[in-house]
N, C-alpha and C. Protein backbone atom coordinates (compact mmCIF):
# COMPACT_ATOMS: atom_id res chain seq x y z
N UNK A 1 30.44 -66.01 -64.36
CA UNK A 1 31.56 -64.74 -63.85
C UNK A 1 30.39 -63.41 -63.50
N UNK A 2 30.19 -62.94 -62.12
CA UNK A 2 29.23 -61.98 -61.86
C UNK A 2 29.95 -60.86 -62.63
N UNK A 3 28.81 -59.64 -63.18
CA UNK A 3 29.72 -58.48 -63.67
C UNK A 3 29.06 -57.32 -62.82
N UNK A 4 29.63 -56.29 -62.77
CA UNK A 4 29.56 -55.15 -62.17
C UNK A 4 28.66 -53.87 -63.52
N UNK A 5 27.15 -53.79 -62.92
CA UNK A 5 26.27 -53.06 -63.40
C UNK A 5 27.09 -51.57 -63.47
N UNK A 6 26.50 -50.12 -64.29
CA UNK A 6 27.44 -49.03 -63.78
C UNK A 6 26.53 -48.44 -62.81
N UNK A 7 25.37 -49.11 -62.65
CA UNK A 7 24.59 -48.44 -61.41
C UNK A 7 25.48 -48.66 -60.06
N UNK A 8 25.76 -50.19 -59.95
CA UNK A 8 26.78 -50.73 -58.77
C UNK A 8 27.94 -49.99 -58.77
N UNK A 9 28.64 -49.52 -60.00
CA UNK A 9 29.90 -48.82 -59.88
C UNK A 9 29.79 -47.34 -59.38
N UNK A 10 28.36 -46.85 -59.90
CA UNK A 10 28.42 -45.48 -59.56
C UNK A 10 28.20 -45.49 -57.88
N UNK A 11 27.46 -46.49 -57.50
CA UNK A 11 27.15 -46.41 -56.19
C UNK A 11 28.59 -46.41 -55.26
N UNK A 12 29.45 -47.33 -56.03
CA UNK A 12 30.95 -47.43 -54.89
C UNK A 12 31.49 -46.13 -54.89
N UNK A 13 31.60 -45.18 -56.36
CA UNK A 13 32.13 -43.99 -56.23
C UNK A 13 31.66 -42.78 -54.89
N UNK A 14 30.34 -43.00 -55.17
CA UNK A 14 29.51 -42.04 -54.23
C UNK A 14 29.79 -42.52 -52.81
N UNK A 15 29.87 -44.14 -52.53
CA UNK A 15 30.08 -44.30 -51.17
C UNK A 15 31.89 -43.82 -50.84
N UNK A 16 32.64 -44.29 -51.66
CA UNK A 16 34.07 -44.02 -51.60
C UNK A 16 34.35 -42.71 -51.32
N UNK A 17 33.43 -41.86 -51.91
CA UNK A 17 33.04 -39.83 -51.45
C UNK A 17 32.83 -39.64 -50.33
N UNK A 18 31.97 -40.34 -49.72
CA UNK A 18 31.09 -40.16 -48.46
C UNK A 18 32.32 -40.43 -47.32
N UNK A 19 32.96 -41.24 -47.41
CA UNK A 19 33.88 -42.08 -46.58
C UNK A 19 34.94 -40.79 -46.49
N UNK A 20 35.53 -40.83 -47.65
CA UNK A 20 36.83 -39.60 -47.70
C UNK A 20 36.14 -38.50 -47.29
N UNK A 21 35.03 -37.86 -47.16
CA UNK A 21 34.57 -36.58 -46.77
C UNK A 21 34.12 -36.74 -44.68
N UNK A 22 33.88 -38.07 -44.41
CA UNK A 22 33.79 -38.00 -43.28
C UNK A 22 35.16 -38.45 -42.10
N UNK A 23 35.78 -38.17 -43.30
CA UNK A 23 37.43 -38.46 -42.32
C UNK A 23 37.74 -37.39 -41.67
N UNK A 24 38.04 -37.48 -40.60
CA UNK A 24 38.14 -36.44 -39.38
C UNK A 24 39.53 -36.50 -39.04
N UNK A 25 40.25 -35.23 -39.16
CA UNK A 25 41.83 -35.06 -38.38
C UNK A 25 41.62 -35.78 -36.64
N UNK A 26 42.88 -36.52 -36.42
CA UNK A 26 42.57 -37.32 -35.25
C UNK A 26 42.38 -35.94 -33.75
N UNK A 27 43.24 -34.95 -33.75
CA UNK A 27 42.84 -34.08 -32.68
C UNK A 27 41.86 -33.41 -32.79
N UNK A 28 41.21 -33.12 -33.95
CA UNK A 28 40.09 -32.11 -34.40
C UNK A 28 38.76 -33.52 -33.45
N UNK A 29 39.03 -34.56 -34.01
CA UNK A 29 37.80 -35.79 -33.59
C UNK A 29 38.13 -36.01 -32.03
N UNK A 30 39.32 -35.56 -31.46
CA UNK A 30 39.56 -35.89 -30.31
C UNK A 30 39.02 -34.33 -29.25
N UNK A 31 38.94 -33.11 -29.62
CA UNK A 31 38.64 -31.97 -29.33
C UNK A 31 36.94 -32.13 -28.96
N UNK A 32 36.35 -32.95 -30.45
CA UNK A 32 35.27 -32.87 -30.23
C UNK A 32 34.58 -33.64 -29.14
N UNK A 33 34.93 -34.74 -28.95
CA UNK A 33 34.50 -35.80 -28.61
C UNK A 33 34.88 -36.04 -27.09
N UNK A 34 36.17 -35.22 -26.67
CA UNK A 34 36.01 -35.35 -25.15
C UNK A 34 37.18 -34.33 -24.57
N UNK A 35 37.83 -33.69 -25.41
CA UNK A 35 38.73 -32.66 -24.59
C UNK A 35 37.88 -31.63 -24.52
N UNK A 36 36.96 -31.29 -25.28
CA UNK A 36 36.27 -29.66 -25.15
C UNK A 36 35.42 -29.96 -23.76
N UNK A 37 34.89 -30.92 -23.59
CA UNK A 37 34.09 -31.56 -22.41
C UNK A 37 34.73 -31.68 -20.96
N UNK A 38 36.05 -32.36 -21.12
CA UNK A 38 36.68 -32.24 -19.83
C UNK A 38 37.36 -30.77 -19.48
N UNK A 39 37.91 -29.75 -20.89
CA UNK A 39 38.30 -28.74 -20.23
C UNK A 39 37.02 -27.69 -19.63
N UNK A 40 35.65 -28.11 -19.94
CA UNK A 40 34.64 -27.22 -19.51
C UNK A 40 34.30 -27.27 -18.37
N UNK A 41 34.87 -28.47 -17.70
CA UNK A 41 34.64 -29.10 -16.46
C UNK A 41 35.73 -29.06 -15.43
N UNK A 42 36.82 -28.97 -16.03
CA UNK A 42 38.19 -28.69 -15.41
C UNK A 42 38.59 -26.95 -14.90
N UNK A 43 37.86 -26.61 -15.64
CA UNK A 43 38.02 -25.32 -16.02
C UNK A 43 37.13 -24.31 -15.21
N UNK A 44 36.01 -25.39 -14.65
CA UNK A 44 34.45 -24.62 -14.44
C UNK A 44 33.85 -23.72 -15.14
N UNK A 45 34.00 -24.11 -16.50
CA UNK A 45 33.25 -22.67 -17.16
C UNK A 45 31.41 -23.47 -17.21
N UNK A 46 30.65 -22.52 -17.28
CA UNK A 46 29.35 -22.65 -17.46
C UNK A 46 28.94 -22.89 -18.74
N UNK A 47 29.67 -21.95 -19.87
CA UNK A 47 29.28 -22.06 -21.07
C UNK A 47 30.32 -22.76 -22.19
N UNK A 48 29.99 -23.83 -22.73
CA UNK A 48 30.16 -24.58 -23.58
C UNK A 48 31.14 -23.48 -24.33
N UNK A 49 30.78 -22.16 -24.58
CA UNK A 49 31.19 -21.68 -25.71
C UNK A 49 32.43 -20.68 -24.93
N UNK A 50 32.86 -21.26 -23.84
CA UNK A 50 33.59 -20.01 -23.04
C UNK A 50 35.14 -21.02 -23.05
N UNK A 51 35.10 -22.38 -23.55
CA UNK A 51 35.59 -23.32 -23.67
C UNK A 51 36.86 -22.87 -24.86
N UNK A 52 38.12 -22.95 -24.16
CA UNK A 52 39.14 -22.40 -25.51
C UNK A 52 38.90 -23.47 -26.64
N UNK A 53 39.57 -22.62 -28.08
CA UNK A 53 39.41 -23.15 -28.74
C UNK A 53 40.20 -23.05 -30.14
N UNK A 54 41.22 -23.77 -30.74
CA UNK A 54 42.17 -23.50 -31.56
C UNK A 54 41.08 -22.71 -32.99
N UNK A 55 41.95 -21.74 -33.60
CA UNK A 55 41.13 -21.19 -34.17
C UNK A 55 41.97 -21.41 -35.86
N UNK A 56 42.70 -21.03 -35.85
CA UNK A 56 43.79 -20.87 -36.73
C UNK A 56 45.68 -20.93 -36.57
N UNK A 57 46.32 -21.94 -37.63
CA UNK A 57 47.73 -21.58 -37.43
C UNK A 57 48.32 -20.88 -38.63
N UNK A 58 49.10 -19.90 -38.35
CA UNK A 58 49.55 -18.98 -39.66
C UNK A 58 50.95 -19.17 -39.24
N UNK A 59 51.66 -19.41 -40.15
CA UNK A 59 53.14 -19.96 -40.77
C UNK A 59 53.71 -18.94 -40.96
N UNK A 60 54.70 -18.26 -40.46
CA UNK A 60 55.13 -16.89 -41.23
C UNK A 60 57.23 -17.33 -41.31
N UNK A 61 57.41 -16.99 -42.54
CA UNK A 61 59.02 -16.73 -42.88
C UNK A 61 59.36 -15.59 -43.06
N UNK A 62 59.74 -15.14 -41.69
CA UNK A 62 60.40 -13.63 -42.50
C UNK A 62 61.72 -13.71 -43.39
N UNK A 63 62.10 -12.65 -44.07
CA UNK A 63 63.27 -13.17 -44.74
C UNK A 63 64.18 -12.12 -44.53
N UNK A 64 64.05 -11.12 -44.07
CA UNK A 64 65.09 -9.76 -43.68
C UNK A 64 65.68 -9.51 -45.02
N UNK A 65 67.17 -9.82 -44.46
CA UNK A 65 68.38 -9.55 -45.17
C UNK A 65 68.35 -10.25 -46.36
N UNK A 66 67.54 -11.46 -46.61
CA UNK A 66 67.30 -12.43 -47.82
C UNK A 66 66.18 -11.93 -48.67
N UNK A 67 65.49 -10.29 -48.68
CA UNK A 67 64.30 -10.33 -48.96
C UNK A 67 64.81 -10.45 -50.69
N UNK A 68 66.04 -10.37 -51.12
CA UNK A 68 66.55 -10.17 -52.50
C UNK A 68 66.92 -11.41 -52.69
N UNK A 69 67.13 -12.25 -52.04
CA UNK A 69 67.83 -13.79 -52.40
C UNK A 69 66.92 -14.85 -53.07
N UNK A 70 67.18 -14.52 -54.32
CA UNK A 70 65.52 -16.05 -54.97
C UNK A 70 66.15 -17.11 -54.27
N UNK A 71 67.06 -17.56 -53.89
CA UNK A 71 67.33 -18.90 -53.68
C UNK A 71 66.58 -18.97 -52.06
N UNK A 72 67.32 -18.17 -51.63
CA UNK A 72 66.14 -18.24 -49.95
C UNK A 72 64.33 -18.58 -50.15
N UNK A 73 64.23 -17.77 -51.23
CA UNK A 73 62.82 -17.26 -51.45
C UNK A 73 61.88 -18.80 -52.21
N UNK A 74 62.99 -19.11 -52.84
CA UNK A 74 62.50 -20.48 -53.74
C UNK A 74 62.45 -21.82 -52.56
N UNK A 75 63.79 -21.71 -51.50
CA UNK A 75 63.47 -22.50 -50.49
C UNK A 75 62.42 -22.21 -49.50
N UNK A 76 62.22 -21.00 -48.99
CA UNK A 76 60.91 -21.22 -48.11
C UNK A 76 59.79 -21.37 -48.75
N UNK A 77 59.72 -20.83 -50.06
CA UNK A 77 58.20 -21.29 -50.62
C UNK A 77 58.08 -22.75 -50.87
N UNK A 78 59.01 -23.40 -51.02
CA UNK A 78 58.90 -24.95 -51.20
C UNK A 78 58.80 -25.73 -49.83
N UNK A 79 59.43 -25.16 -49.03
CA UNK A 79 59.16 -25.43 -47.16
C UNK A 79 57.61 -25.68 -46.81
N UNK A 80 56.80 -24.34 -47.26
CA UNK A 80 55.60 -24.10 -46.61
C UNK A 80 54.56 -24.83 -47.90
N UNK A 81 54.74 -25.00 -48.99
CA UNK A 81 54.28 -25.61 -49.52
C UNK A 81 53.89 -27.27 -49.38
N UNK A 82 55.15 -27.54 -49.04
CA UNK A 82 55.41 -29.27 -48.62
C UNK A 82 54.69 -29.40 -47.53
N UNK A 83 55.02 -28.50 -46.69
CA UNK A 83 55.19 -28.91 -45.11
C UNK A 83 53.39 -28.67 -44.85
N UNK A 84 52.47 -27.78 -45.28
CA UNK A 84 51.20 -27.69 -45.25
C UNK A 84 50.21 -27.85 -46.17
N UNK A 85 50.53 -28.34 -47.33
CA UNK A 85 49.91 -28.62 -48.50
C UNK A 85 49.12 -27.26 -48.98
N UNK A 86 49.55 -25.99 -48.71
CA UNK A 86 48.92 -24.79 -49.08
C UNK A 86 50.40 -23.77 -50.50
N UNK A 87 50.08 -23.15 -50.87
CA UNK A 87 50.65 -22.10 -51.70
C UNK A 87 50.51 -20.83 -50.82
N UNK A 88 52.06 -20.38 -50.28
CA UNK A 88 52.06 -19.37 -49.35
C UNK A 88 52.10 -18.36 -49.95
N UNK A 89 51.77 -17.18 -49.54
CA UNK A 89 51.27 -15.79 -49.95
C UNK A 89 52.57 -14.70 -49.37
N UNK A 90 52.81 -13.92 -50.18
CA UNK A 90 53.47 -12.97 -49.96
C UNK A 90 53.29 -11.74 -49.09
N UNK A 91 54.04 -11.34 -47.80
CA UNK A 91 53.86 -10.66 -46.53
C UNK A 91 54.66 -9.36 -47.63
N UNK A 92 53.78 -8.28 -47.55
CA UNK A 92 54.62 -6.82 -48.07
C UNK A 92 54.66 -5.88 -46.98
N UNK A 93 55.70 -4.94 -46.96
CA UNK A 93 56.00 -3.80 -46.39
C UNK A 93 55.15 -2.81 -46.55
N UNK A 94 54.42 -2.59 -45.45
CA UNK A 94 53.26 -1.16 -45.57
C UNK A 94 53.90 -0.24 -45.85
N UNK A 95 54.96 0.34 -45.00
CA UNK A 95 55.58 1.53 -44.92
C UNK A 95 57.22 1.44 -45.47
N UNK A 96 57.85 2.40 -45.69
CA UNK A 96 59.24 2.57 -46.11
C UNK A 96 60.23 2.65 -44.57
N UNK A 97 61.02 2.22 -44.20
CA UNK A 97 61.58 2.14 -43.08
C UNK A 97 63.31 2.46 -43.75
N UNK A 98 63.79 3.98 -44.06
CA UNK A 98 65.37 4.14 -44.37
C UNK A 98 66.64 3.18 -43.77
N UNK A 99 66.27 3.05 -42.47
CA UNK A 99 67.41 2.41 -41.54
C UNK A 99 67.31 0.55 -42.14
N UNK A 100 66.28 0.69 -42.61
CA UNK A 100 66.43 -0.81 -43.10
C UNK A 100 66.62 -1.01 -44.45
N UNK A 101 66.90 -0.41 -45.37
CA UNK A 101 66.74 -0.33 -46.69
C UNK A 101 65.31 -0.75 -47.35
N UNK A 102 64.39 -0.70 -46.78
CA UNK A 102 62.79 -1.31 -46.87
C UNK A 102 62.10 0.01 -47.79
N UNK A 103 61.72 -0.03 -48.80
CA UNK A 103 60.54 0.84 -48.79
C UNK A 103 59.27 -0.30 -49.00
N UNK A 104 58.15 0.53 -48.78
CA UNK A 104 56.63 0.28 -49.06
C UNK A 104 56.47 -0.27 -50.20
N UNK A 105 55.73 -1.58 -49.98
CA UNK A 105 55.60 -2.50 -51.04
C UNK A 105 56.76 -3.59 -51.65
N UNK A 106 57.71 -3.42 -50.90
CA UNK A 106 59.12 -4.40 -50.89
C UNK A 106 58.29 -5.85 -50.21
N UNK A 107 58.64 -7.20 -50.82
CA UNK A 107 58.18 -8.47 -50.15
C UNK A 107 59.06 -8.57 -49.17
N UNK A 108 58.15 -8.62 -48.01
CA UNK A 108 59.36 -8.98 -46.44
C UNK A 108 59.41 -10.45 -45.96
N UNK A 109 58.34 -11.30 -46.31
CA UNK A 109 58.06 -12.58 -45.92
C UNK A 109 57.29 -13.08 -46.96
N UNK A 110 56.88 -14.52 -46.05
CA UNK A 110 55.79 -15.54 -46.78
C UNK A 110 55.00 -15.80 -45.70
N UNK A 111 53.90 -16.39 -45.61
CA UNK A 111 53.26 -16.96 -44.87
C UNK A 111 51.64 -18.17 -45.22
N UNK A 112 51.49 -18.59 -44.66
CA UNK A 112 50.42 -19.98 -44.91
C UNK A 112 49.49 -19.59 -43.68
N UNK A 113 48.09 -19.98 -43.82
CA UNK A 113 47.19 -19.71 -42.77
C UNK A 113 46.90 -20.91 -43.24
N UNK A 114 46.22 -22.04 -41.46
CA UNK A 114 45.65 -23.22 -41.98
C UNK A 114 44.58 -23.30 -40.83
N UNK A 115 43.25 -23.69 -41.82
CA UNK A 115 42.37 -23.89 -40.46
C UNK A 115 41.77 -25.25 -40.64
N UNK A 116 41.03 -25.43 -39.74
CA UNK A 116 40.08 -26.80 -40.00
C UNK A 116 41.00 -27.90 -39.79
N UNK A 117 40.75 -29.38 -40.80
CA UNK A 117 41.67 -30.13 -40.77
C UNK A 117 42.90 -30.06 -40.78
N UNK A 118 43.19 -29.64 -41.68
CA UNK A 118 44.80 -29.06 -42.12
C UNK A 118 45.08 -28.47 -40.75
N UNK A 119 44.56 -27.71 -40.39
CA UNK A 119 45.11 -27.22 -39.26
C UNK A 119 45.56 -28.22 -37.96
N UNK A 120 44.44 -28.91 -37.62
CA UNK A 120 44.75 -30.20 -36.61
C UNK A 120 45.66 -30.90 -36.99
N UNK A 121 45.77 -31.41 -38.38
CA UNK A 121 46.61 -32.21 -38.74
C UNK A 121 48.16 -31.81 -38.97
N UNK A 122 48.46 -30.49 -39.08
CA UNK A 122 49.78 -30.22 -38.97
C UNK A 122 50.02 -29.92 -37.45
N UNK A 123 49.08 -29.58 -36.20
CA UNK A 123 49.70 -29.45 -35.05
C UNK A 123 49.83 -30.75 -34.71
N UNK A 124 49.28 -31.73 -35.10
CA UNK A 124 49.32 -33.22 -34.45
C UNK A 124 51.18 -33.85 -35.20
N UNK A 125 51.55 -33.27 -36.38
CA UNK A 125 52.52 -33.41 -36.77
C UNK A 125 53.63 -32.57 -35.99
N UNK A 126 53.71 -31.66 -35.63
CA UNK A 126 54.31 -30.97 -34.87
C UNK A 126 54.84 -31.49 -33.37
N UNK A 127 53.60 -31.91 -32.86
CA UNK A 127 53.43 -32.66 -31.65
C UNK A 127 54.46 -33.76 -31.86
N UNK A 128 53.86 -34.77 -32.68
CA UNK A 128 54.13 -36.20 -32.51
C UNK A 128 55.63 -36.46 -33.00
N UNK A 129 56.10 -35.71 -34.07
CA UNK A 129 56.94 -35.63 -35.05
C UNK A 129 57.65 -34.74 -35.13
N UNK A 130 57.85 -33.37 -35.36
CA UNK A 130 58.74 -32.33 -35.54
C UNK A 130 59.39 -31.96 -33.96
N UNK A 131 58.98 -31.82 -32.80
CA UNK A 131 59.23 -31.42 -31.52
C UNK A 131 60.08 -32.68 -31.22
N UNK A 132 59.96 -33.57 -31.38
CA UNK A 132 60.85 -34.89 -30.66
C UNK A 132 61.91 -34.89 -31.83
N UNK A 133 61.95 -34.11 -32.78
CA UNK A 133 63.49 -34.30 -33.42
C UNK A 133 64.54 -33.36 -33.28
N UNK A 134 63.96 -32.00 -32.58
CA UNK A 134 65.31 -31.04 -32.07
C UNK A 134 65.79 -31.58 -31.24
N UNK A 135 67.13 -31.05 -31.45
CA UNK A 135 68.11 -31.50 -30.92
C UNK A 135 67.88 -30.77 -29.25
N UNK A 136 68.37 -31.20 -28.11
CA UNK A 136 68.39 -30.99 -26.99
C UNK A 136 66.91 -30.35 -26.45
N UNK A 137 66.19 -30.76 -26.87
CA UNK A 137 64.34 -30.48 -26.71
C UNK A 137 64.50 -30.48 -24.94
N UNK A 138 63.76 -29.50 -24.37
CA UNK A 138 63.29 -30.06 -23.14
C UNK A 138 62.01 -29.26 -23.27
N UNK A 139 61.11 -28.99 -24.27
CA UNK A 139 59.55 -28.71 -23.86
C UNK A 139 59.70 -26.73 -24.45
N UNK A 140 58.25 -26.80 -25.03
CA UNK A 140 58.22 -25.23 -25.50
C UNK A 140 58.18 -24.56 -24.43
N UNK A 141 58.58 -23.19 -24.71
CA UNK A 141 57.89 -22.07 -23.19
C UNK A 141 56.76 -21.82 -23.20
N UNK A 142 56.51 -21.45 -21.58
CA UNK A 142 55.87 -21.30 -21.07
C UNK A 142 55.26 -19.78 -21.09
N UNK A 143 56.24 -19.15 -21.74
CA UNK A 143 56.32 -17.68 -21.81
C UNK A 143 55.84 -17.13 -23.06
N UNK A 144 55.33 -18.31 -24.30
CA UNK A 144 55.17 -17.89 -25.49
C UNK A 144 53.72 -17.36 -26.05
N UNK A 145 53.07 -17.39 -24.89
CA UNK A 145 51.58 -16.74 -24.95
C UNK A 145 51.42 -15.36 -24.87
N UNK A 146 50.45 -14.56 -25.99
CA UNK A 146 50.74 -13.03 -25.40
C UNK A 146 49.31 -13.22 -24.69
N UNK A 147 48.88 -11.62 -24.10
CA UNK A 147 47.75 -11.60 -23.40
C UNK A 147 46.26 -12.21 -23.82
N UNK A 148 46.16 -12.58 -25.24
CA UNK A 148 45.17 -12.93 -25.54
C UNK A 148 44.67 -14.47 -25.74
N UNK A 149 46.22 -15.14 -25.21
CA UNK A 149 46.15 -16.61 -25.29
C UNK A 149 46.84 -17.22 -26.51
N UNK A 150 47.35 -16.22 -27.45
CA UNK A 150 48.12 -16.99 -28.39
C UNK A 150 49.02 -17.60 -28.44
N UNK A 151 49.44 -18.59 -28.99
CA UNK A 151 50.91 -19.26 -28.70
C UNK A 151 51.84 -19.12 -30.14
N UNK A 152 53.06 -18.45 -29.77
CA UNK A 152 53.99 -18.29 -30.71
C UNK A 152 55.11 -19.72 -30.45
N UNK A 153 55.52 -20.42 -31.84
CA UNK A 153 56.46 -21.32 -31.57
C UNK A 153 57.34 -20.87 -32.53
N UNK A 154 58.79 -20.85 -32.30
CA UNK A 154 59.83 -20.48 -33.61
C UNK A 154 60.58 -21.88 -33.58
N UNK A 155 60.92 -21.93 -35.22
CA UNK A 155 62.06 -22.87 -35.25
C UNK A 155 63.26 -22.21 -36.00
N UNK A 156 64.20 -22.85 -35.62
CA UNK A 156 65.32 -22.32 -36.40
C UNK A 156 65.65 -22.63 -37.63
N UNK A 157 65.12 -23.73 -38.15
CA UNK A 157 64.88 -24.16 -39.83
C UNK A 157 64.44 -25.16 -39.95
N UNK A 158 64.27 -25.44 -40.83
CA UNK A 158 63.19 -26.65 -41.75
C UNK A 158 63.31 -28.02 -41.82
N UNK A 159 64.75 -28.13 -41.06
CA UNK A 159 65.18 -29.80 -41.44
C UNK A 159 64.68 -30.94 -40.43
N UNK A 160 63.83 -30.39 -39.24
CA UNK A 160 62.99 -30.88 -38.35
C UNK A 160 61.99 -31.68 -39.45
N UNK A 161 61.16 -30.93 -40.45
CA UNK A 161 60.24 -31.51 -41.12
C UNK A 161 60.41 -32.72 -42.12
N UNK A 162 60.27 -33.73 -41.87
CA UNK A 162 60.36 -35.03 -42.34
C UNK A 162 59.26 -35.23 -43.86
N UNK A 163 59.08 -33.94 -44.25
CA UNK A 163 58.35 -33.81 -45.81
C UNK A 163 59.77 -33.36 -46.68
N UNK A 164 60.62 -32.81 -45.99
CA UNK A 164 61.60 -32.30 -47.34
C UNK A 164 62.68 -33.12 -46.85
N UNK A 165 63.33 -33.22 -48.10
CA UNK A 165 64.38 -33.89 -48.61
C UNK A 165 66.04 -33.30 -48.08
N UNK A 166 66.91 -33.95 -47.97
CA UNK A 166 68.34 -33.18 -47.77
C UNK A 166 68.46 -32.42 -48.42
N UNK A 167 68.31 -32.09 -49.54
CA UNK A 167 68.84 -31.07 -50.46
C UNK A 167 67.86 -29.59 -50.47
N UNK A 168 66.56 -30.30 -49.96
CA UNK A 168 65.40 -28.88 -49.87
C UNK A 168 65.66 -28.29 -48.51
N UNK A 169 66.61 -28.75 -47.89
CA UNK A 169 67.08 -28.49 -46.41
C UNK A 169 68.47 -27.54 -46.49
N UNK A 170 69.28 -27.40 -47.55
CA UNK A 170 70.66 -26.90 -47.88
C UNK A 170 70.69 -25.16 -47.56
N UNK A 171 69.92 -24.85 -48.34
CA UNK A 171 69.51 -23.05 -47.61
C UNK A 171 68.78 -23.17 -46.77
N UNK A 172 68.98 -22.86 -45.27
CA UNK A 172 68.26 -23.00 -44.02
C UNK A 172 67.27 -21.66 -44.11
N UNK A 173 66.10 -21.78 -43.28
CA UNK A 173 65.66 -20.55 -43.06
C UNK A 173 64.84 -21.14 -41.55
N UNK A 174 64.33 -20.09 -40.73
CA UNK A 174 63.67 -20.14 -40.03
C UNK A 174 62.20 -19.91 -40.34
N UNK A 175 61.30 -20.17 -39.08
CA UNK A 175 60.07 -19.83 -39.40
C UNK A 175 58.85 -19.73 -38.10
N UNK A 176 58.01 -19.12 -37.93
CA UNK A 176 57.39 -18.77 -36.58
C UNK A 176 56.03 -19.57 -37.08
N UNK A 177 55.38 -20.33 -36.35
CA UNK A 177 53.85 -20.57 -35.89
C UNK A 177 53.22 -20.11 -34.89
N UNK A 178 51.95 -19.64 -35.55
CA UNK A 178 51.69 -18.24 -34.35
C UNK A 178 50.26 -19.20 -34.44
N UNK A 179 49.84 -19.86 -33.38
CA UNK A 179 48.76 -20.53 -33.15
C UNK A 179 47.59 -19.68 -32.20
N UNK A 180 46.60 -19.06 -33.07
CA UNK A 180 45.47 -18.35 -32.74
C UNK A 180 44.38 -18.90 -31.91
N UNK A 181 44.19 -18.94 -30.79
CA UNK A 181 43.63 -19.59 -29.69
C UNK A 181 41.89 -18.61 -29.05
N UNK A 182 41.22 -19.13 -29.02
CA UNK A 182 39.87 -18.36 -28.46
C UNK A 182 40.41 -18.86 -26.93
N UNK A 183 40.26 -18.01 -26.68
CA UNK A 183 40.36 -18.01 -24.54
C UNK A 183 40.30 -17.11 -24.16
N UNK A 184 39.72 -16.64 -22.85
CA UNK A 184 39.44 -15.76 -22.08
C UNK A 184 40.88 -15.34 -21.22
N UNK A 185 41.72 -16.52 -21.14
CA UNK A 185 43.30 -16.27 -20.34
C UNK A 185 43.95 -16.65 -21.08
N UNK A 186 45.33 -16.57 -20.76
CA UNK A 186 46.78 -17.52 -21.47
C UNK A 186 46.52 -18.85 -20.60
N UNK A 187 46.13 -19.31 -19.30
CA UNK A 187 46.23 -20.19 -18.67
C UNK A 187 45.02 -21.20 -19.56
N UNK A 188 44.21 -20.84 -19.74
CA UNK A 188 43.00 -21.74 -20.36
C UNK A 188 43.93 -21.77 -22.03
N UNK A 189 44.26 -21.16 -22.72
CA UNK A 189 44.88 -21.77 -23.80
C UNK A 189 45.98 -22.57 -23.77
N UNK A 190 46.70 -22.43 -22.75
CA UNK A 190 47.90 -23.58 -22.62
C UNK A 190 47.04 -24.86 -22.05
N UNK A 191 46.05 -24.84 -21.31
CA UNK A 191 45.48 -25.96 -20.94
C UNK A 191 45.10 -26.43 -21.96
N UNK A 192 44.62 -25.81 -22.97
CA UNK A 192 43.97 -26.69 -24.23
C UNK A 192 45.04 -27.57 -25.24
N UNK A 193 46.92 -26.40 -25.52
CA UNK A 193 47.60 -27.30 -25.76
C UNK A 193 47.95 -28.27 -25.38
N UNK A 194 47.72 -28.30 -23.73
CA UNK A 194 48.46 -29.73 -23.43
C UNK A 194 47.53 -31.08 -23.28
N UNK A 195 46.43 -30.76 -23.47
CA UNK A 195 45.37 -31.58 -23.87
C UNK A 195 45.69 -32.35 -25.29
N UNK A 196 45.99 -31.28 -26.09
CA UNK A 196 46.19 -31.63 -27.67
C UNK A 196 48.23 -32.56 -27.15
N UNK A 197 48.52 -32.47 -26.13
CA UNK A 197 49.96 -33.09 -26.04
C UNK A 197 51.10 -32.45 -26.33
N UNK A 198 51.27 -31.06 -26.44
CA UNK A 198 52.28 -30.04 -26.28
C UNK A 198 52.72 -30.25 -25.32
N UNK A 199 54.25 -30.38 -25.44
CA UNK A 199 54.79 -30.87 -24.30
C UNK A 199 55.50 -29.43 -23.72
N UNK A 200 55.12 -28.71 -22.66
CA UNK A 200 56.01 -27.63 -22.04
C UNK A 200 57.09 -27.67 -21.02
N UNK A 201 58.35 -26.96 -21.52
CA UNK A 201 58.98 -27.08 -20.34
C UNK A 201 58.63 -27.21 -18.95
N UNK A 202 59.03 -27.58 -18.08
CA UNK A 202 58.74 -27.95 -16.87
C UNK A 202 59.57 -26.72 -16.02
N UNK A 203 58.20 -25.74 -15.07
CA UNK A 203 58.69 -24.97 -14.64
C UNK A 203 59.13 -24.83 -13.22
N UNK A 204 60.50 -24.43 -13.07
CA UNK A 204 61.08 -24.30 -11.79
C UNK A 204 60.12 -23.82 -10.51
N UNK A 205 60.61 -24.78 -9.79
CA UNK A 205 59.18 -24.70 -8.22
C UNK A 205 59.99 -24.09 -7.10
């Protein structure tokens, strides 16, 4: 019976690590291999650096009146941790607003910032799994871009994420995903998201 030497075992471990490191998120691979080139040609861009690119996705949960409700804070923290694989950080009020009973330094929300493969993997799940689960969904808004081309997507509650159990969705809360896109204009940013498969609502002719 053949035996495995220590050197062979070490070589197998190194090979396994290399394989894990070279694994690329599906949309990241598509962007590098085909999408960037197609966009450069279709948008008539001379410089490859002008091609629109997704830089980060920031998930925000605003707590509002629930900023002192431990149950809501725990639910929102669990949601962000489960769906992103990262520990959320607290967002703090920078100034006091008496009409909102808000004091400087109070926690007003939670956020997670995704970059690299985690960002692309999250976007992939949003497009292929989460959005199709929305009731009466007819596409995301064409008007959700700001002047820089960044795109905002709002979700009413967290129950559309399959990573969460029923018990983890009983304390409902909304969230916003802001996709920061490097683009010269909103139309270019939209073209990028469409290449990724983002379903936009049909505009009236």
